[in-house]
Amino acid sequence: MNVAAAVFAGVFLVLLGAFVAFYLYSRTPAWRTSETRMATMRLLVIIGPMFGARFDNPPPDRPAVMGEGPDPVAEDPQAPRISS
């Protein structure tokens, strides 16, 4: 095994260990509130549109105008009346 292969193997193991450590940390509650996560998201939102990734707003809901409807007591003469 030559020196270059040993160096490559060492760098690979360090990168693999860093990836596993970050993966395990990113599944903890501390990651959700960390400033590192927020900074990463801000960076992705800023540079994302340069590569065609955009967050489009959903289309607005159509307004629904609903009246009260017919009065069931006025239509049914046999309905019990509540006197006030």
N, C-alpha and C. Protein backbone atom coordinates (compact mmCIF):
# COMPACT_ATOMS: atom_id res chain seq x y z
N MET A 1 0.86 -1.18 0.00
CA MET A 1 0.00 0.00 0.00
C MET A 1 0.91 1.23 0.00
N ASN A 2 0.72 2.06 -0.97
CA ASN A 2 1.59 3.23 -1.04
C ASN A 2 1.03 4.38 -0.19
N VAL A 3 1.77 5.46 -0.13
CA VAL A 3 1.43 6.59 0.74
C VAL A 3 0.16 7.29 0.26
N ALA A 4 0.00 7.44 -1.04
CA ALA A 4 -1.19 8.13 -1.58
C ALA A 4 -2.46 7.37 -1.22
N ALA A 5 -2.44 6.05 -1.29
CA ALA A 5 -3.62 5.27 -0.94
C ALA A 5 -3.92 5.39 0.55
N ALA A 6 -2.89 5.43 1.39
CA ALA A 6 -3.10 5.58 2.83
C ALA A 6 -3.70 6.95 3.15
N VAL A 7 -3.20 7.99 2.49
CA VAL A 7 -3.74 9.33 2.71
C VAL A 7 -5.19 9.39 2.23
N PHE A 8 -5.45 8.83 1.05
CA PHE A 8 -6.81 8.80 0.53
C PHE A 8 -7.75 8.05 1.48
N ALA A 9 -7.32 6.92 1.99
CA ALA A 9 -8.14 6.14 2.92
C ALA A 9 -8.39 6.93 4.20
N GLY A 10 -7.38 7.63 4.69
CA GLY A 10 -7.55 8.44 5.91
C GLY A 10 -8.54 9.58 5.70
N VAL A 11 -8.42 10.28 4.58
CA VAL A 11 -9.34 11.37 4.28
C VAL A 11 -10.76 10.83 4.11
N PHE A 12 -10.88 9.71 3.43
CA PHE A 12 -12.19 9.10 3.24
C PHE A 12 -12.83 8.73 4.57
N LEU A 13 -12.07 8.15 5.47
CA LEU A 13 -12.61 7.77 6.78
C LEU A 13 -13.02 8.99 7.60
N VAL A 14 -12.23 10.06 7.52
CA VAL A 14 -12.59 11.29 8.25
C VAL A 14 -13.88 11.86 7.69
N LEU A 15 -14.01 11.91 6.35
CA LEU A 15 -15.23 12.43 5.75
C LEU A 15 -16.45 11.55 6.07
N LEU A 16 -16.25 10.25 6.05
CA LEU A 16 -17.34 9.34 6.39
C LEU A 16 -17.76 9.52 7.85
N GLY A 17 -16.80 9.66 8.75
CA GLY A 17 -17.11 9.88 10.15
C GLY A 17 -17.84 11.20 10.37
N ALA A 18 -17.41 12.25 9.66
CA ALA A 18 -18.07 13.55 9.78
C ALA A 18 -19.51 13.47 9.26
N PHE A 19 -19.71 12.75 8.17
CA PHE A 19 -21.06 12.60 7.63
C PHE A 19 -21.96 11.86 8.61
N VAL A 20 -21.48 10.77 9.19
CA VAL A 20 -22.28 10.00 10.14
C VAL A 20 -22.59 10.84 11.38
N ALA A 21 -21.59 11.60 11.88
CA ALA A 21 -21.82 12.45 13.05
C ALA A 21 -22.87 13.52 12.74
N PHE A 22 -22.77 14.16 11.57
CA PHE A 22 -23.75 15.18 11.21
C PHE A 22 -25.13 14.56 11.02
N TYR A 23 -25.21 13.40 10.42
CA TYR A 23 -26.50 12.73 10.22
C TYR A 23 -27.16 12.46 11.57
N LEU A 24 -26.40 11.95 12.52
CA LEU A 24 -26.98 11.66 13.83
C LEU A 24 -27.38 12.94 14.56
N TYR A 25 -26.58 14.00 14.43
CA TYR A 25 -26.91 15.27 15.08
C TYR A 25 -28.13 15.93 14.44
N SER A 26 -28.28 15.76 13.14
CA SER A 26 -29.41 16.42 12.47
C SER A 26 -30.74 15.79 12.82
N ARG A 27 -30.76 14.69 13.50
CA ARG A 27 -32.01 14.05 13.94
C ARG A 27 -32.36 14.38 15.38
N THR A 28 -31.65 15.30 16.01
CA THR A 28 -31.91 15.67 17.40
C THR A 28 -32.72 16.95 17.46
N PRO A 29 -33.42 17.21 18.58
CA PRO A 29 -34.17 18.47 18.73
C PRO A 29 -33.26 19.70 18.73
N ALA A 30 -32.02 19.56 19.12
CA ALA A 30 -31.11 20.72 19.13
C ALA A 30 -30.86 21.24 17.72
N TRP A 31 -30.88 20.36 16.73
CA TRP A 31 -30.65 20.78 15.34
C TRP A 31 -31.80 21.67 14.84
N ARG A 32 -33.02 21.37 15.26
CA ARG A 32 -34.17 22.14 14.77
C ARG A 32 -34.10 23.60 15.17
N THR A 33 -33.52 23.89 16.30
CA THR A 33 -33.48 25.28 16.79
C THR A 33 -32.10 25.91 16.60
N SER A 34 -31.19 25.24 15.93
CA SER A 34 -29.83 25.77 15.82
C SER A 34 -29.71 26.87 14.78
N GLU A 35 -28.80 27.77 15.01
CA GLU A 35 -28.53 28.85 14.07
C GLU A 35 -27.88 28.32 12.80
N THR A 36 -27.16 27.21 12.89
CA THR A 36 -26.53 26.62 11.71
C THR A 36 -27.60 26.18 10.71
N ARG A 37 -28.66 25.58 11.20
CA ARG A 37 -29.75 25.14 10.32
C ARG A 37 -30.41 26.34 9.65
N MET A 38 -30.67 27.39 10.43
CA MET A 38 -31.31 28.58 9.86
C MET A 38 -30.40 29.25 8.82
N ALA A 39 -29.10 29.31 9.09
CA ALA A 39 -28.17 29.91 8.13
C ALA A 39 -28.11 29.08 6.85
N THR A 40 -28.16 27.77 6.99
CA THR A 40 -28.15 26.90 5.81
C THR A 40 -29.41 27.11 4.98
N MET A 41 -30.55 27.20 5.62
CA MET A 41 -31.79 27.41 4.89
C MET A 41 -31.81 28.77 4.20
N ARG A 42 -31.31 29.82 4.89
CA ARG A 42 -31.25 31.14 4.25
C ARG A 42 -30.35 31.10 3.02
N LEU A 43 -29.22 30.41 3.13
CA LEU A 43 -28.30 30.31 1.99
C LEU A 43 -28.96 29.57 0.83
N LEU A 44 -29.66 28.48 1.11
CA LEU A 44 -30.32 27.73 0.05
C LEU A 44 -31.43 28.53 -0.61
N VAL A 45 -32.15 29.34 0.18
CA VAL A 45 -33.22 30.15 -0.40
C VAL A 45 -32.63 31.26 -1.27
N ILE A 46 -31.45 31.75 -0.90
CA ILE A 46 -30.82 32.81 -1.69
C ILE A 46 -30.23 32.27 -2.98
N ILE A 47 -29.50 31.16 -2.93
CA ILE A 47 -28.83 30.68 -4.14
C ILE A 47 -29.68 29.72 -4.95
N GLY A 48 -30.78 29.23 -4.39
CA GLY A 48 -31.64 28.29 -5.11
C GLY A 48 -32.18 28.81 -6.42
N PRO A 49 -32.70 30.05 -6.46
CA PRO A 49 -33.24 30.56 -7.72
C PRO A 49 -32.19 30.68 -8.83
N MET A 50 -30.92 30.75 -8.48
CA MET A 50 -29.88 30.81 -9.51
C MET A 50 -29.82 29.51 -10.31
N PHE A 51 -30.27 28.43 -9.70
CA PHE A 51 -30.23 27.12 -10.36
C PHE A 51 -31.62 26.64 -10.75
N GLY A 52 -32.63 27.52 -10.70
CA GLY A 52 -33.96 27.18 -11.16
C GLY A 52 -34.90 26.68 -10.08
N ALA A 53 -34.46 26.58 -8.84
CA ALA A 53 -35.33 26.12 -7.76
C ALA A 53 -36.01 27.33 -7.15
N ARG A 54 -37.34 27.39 -7.27
CA ARG A 54 -38.08 28.53 -6.74
C ARG A 54 -39.22 28.02 -5.88
N PHE A 55 -39.52 28.79 -4.84
CA PHE A 55 -40.65 28.48 -3.97
C PHE A 55 -41.82 29.35 -4.43
N ASP A 56 -42.73 28.78 -5.18
CA ASP A 56 -43.89 29.52 -5.65
C ASP A 56 -44.95 29.54 -4.56
N ASN A 57 -45.62 30.68 -4.46
CA ASN A 57 -46.73 30.77 -3.52
C ASN A 57 -47.90 29.95 -4.07
N PRO A 58 -48.63 29.27 -3.21
CA PRO A 58 -49.79 28.52 -3.69
C PRO A 58 -50.85 29.49 -4.19
N PRO A 59 -51.66 29.06 -5.14
CA PRO A 59 -52.71 29.96 -5.62
C PRO A 59 -53.70 30.26 -4.50
N PRO A 60 -54.24 31.47 -4.47
CA PRO A 60 -55.18 31.80 -3.40
C PRO A 60 -56.48 31.01 -3.55
N ASP A 61 -57.12 30.75 -2.44
CA ASP A 61 -58.40 30.06 -2.45
C ASP A 61 -59.47 30.97 -3.04
N ARG A 62 -60.41 30.37 -3.73
CA ARG A 62 -61.51 31.15 -4.26
C ARG A 62 -62.40 31.59 -3.11
N PRO A 63 -62.82 32.83 -3.10
CA PRO A 63 -63.68 33.28 -1.99
C PRO A 63 -65.05 32.61 -2.07
N ALA A 64 -65.53 32.22 -0.93
CA ALA A 64 -66.83 31.57 -0.85
C ALA A 64 -67.76 32.47 -0.04
N VAL A 65 -68.84 32.90 -0.67
CA VAL A 65 -69.82 33.73 0.02
C VAL A 65 -71.02 32.83 0.31
N MET A 66 -71.29 32.68 1.59
CA MET A 66 -72.38 31.80 1.99
C MET A 66 -73.36 32.58 2.86
N GLY A 67 -74.62 32.51 2.49
CA GLY A 67 -75.65 33.15 3.30
C GLY A 67 -76.07 32.24 4.43
N GLU A 68 -77.03 32.72 5.19
CA GLU A 68 -77.51 31.93 6.33
C GLU A 68 -78.43 30.81 5.90
N GLY A 69 -79.02 30.93 4.75
CA GLY A 69 -79.93 29.90 4.29
C GLY A 69 -81.34 30.15 4.79
N PRO A 70 -82.28 29.30 4.38
CA PRO A 70 -83.68 29.51 4.79
C PRO A 70 -83.88 29.17 6.26
N ASP A 71 -84.87 29.79 6.84
CA ASP A 71 -85.22 29.54 8.24
C ASP A 71 -86.11 28.30 8.31
N PRO A 72 -85.65 27.21 8.93
CA PRO A 72 -86.46 25.98 8.94
C PRO A 72 -87.76 26.13 9.73
N VAL A 73 -87.78 27.00 10.73
CA VAL A 73 -88.99 27.17 11.53
C VAL A 73 -90.06 27.89 10.72
N ALA A 74 -89.67 28.86 9.93
CA ALA A 74 -90.66 29.62 9.15
C ALA A 74 -91.28 28.75 8.07
N GLU A 75 -90.56 27.75 7.57
CA GLU A 75 -91.08 26.90 6.51
C GLU A 75 -91.96 25.77 7.04
N ASP A 76 -91.76 25.33 8.26
CA ASP A 76 -92.49 24.19 8.81
C ASP A 76 -93.49 24.70 9.85
N PRO A 77 -94.77 24.70 9.54
CA PRO A 77 -95.74 25.21 10.52
C PRO A 77 -95.90 24.29 11.73
N GLN A 78 -95.51 23.02 11.62
CA GLN A 78 -95.64 22.09 12.75
C GLN A 78 -94.43 22.14 13.69
N ALA A 79 -93.38 22.91 13.34
CA ALA A 79 -92.19 22.97 14.19
C ALA A 79 -92.52 23.68 15.49
N PRO A 80 -91.94 23.22 16.59
CA PRO A 80 -92.22 23.87 17.88
C PRO A 80 -91.63 25.29 17.90
N ARG A 81 -92.35 26.20 18.50
CA ARG A 81 -91.94 27.60 18.59
C ARG A 81 -91.35 27.85 19.98
N ILE A 82 -90.30 28.62 19.99
CA ILE A 82 -89.69 29.02 21.26
C ILE A 82 -90.06 30.47 21.47
N SER A 83 -90.79 30.74 22.53
CA SER A 83 -91.18 32.12 22.80
C SER A 83 -90.17 32.74 23.74
N SER A 84 -89.84 33.98 23.46
CA SER A 84 -88.84 34.64 24.31
C SER A 84 -89.44 35.71 25.14
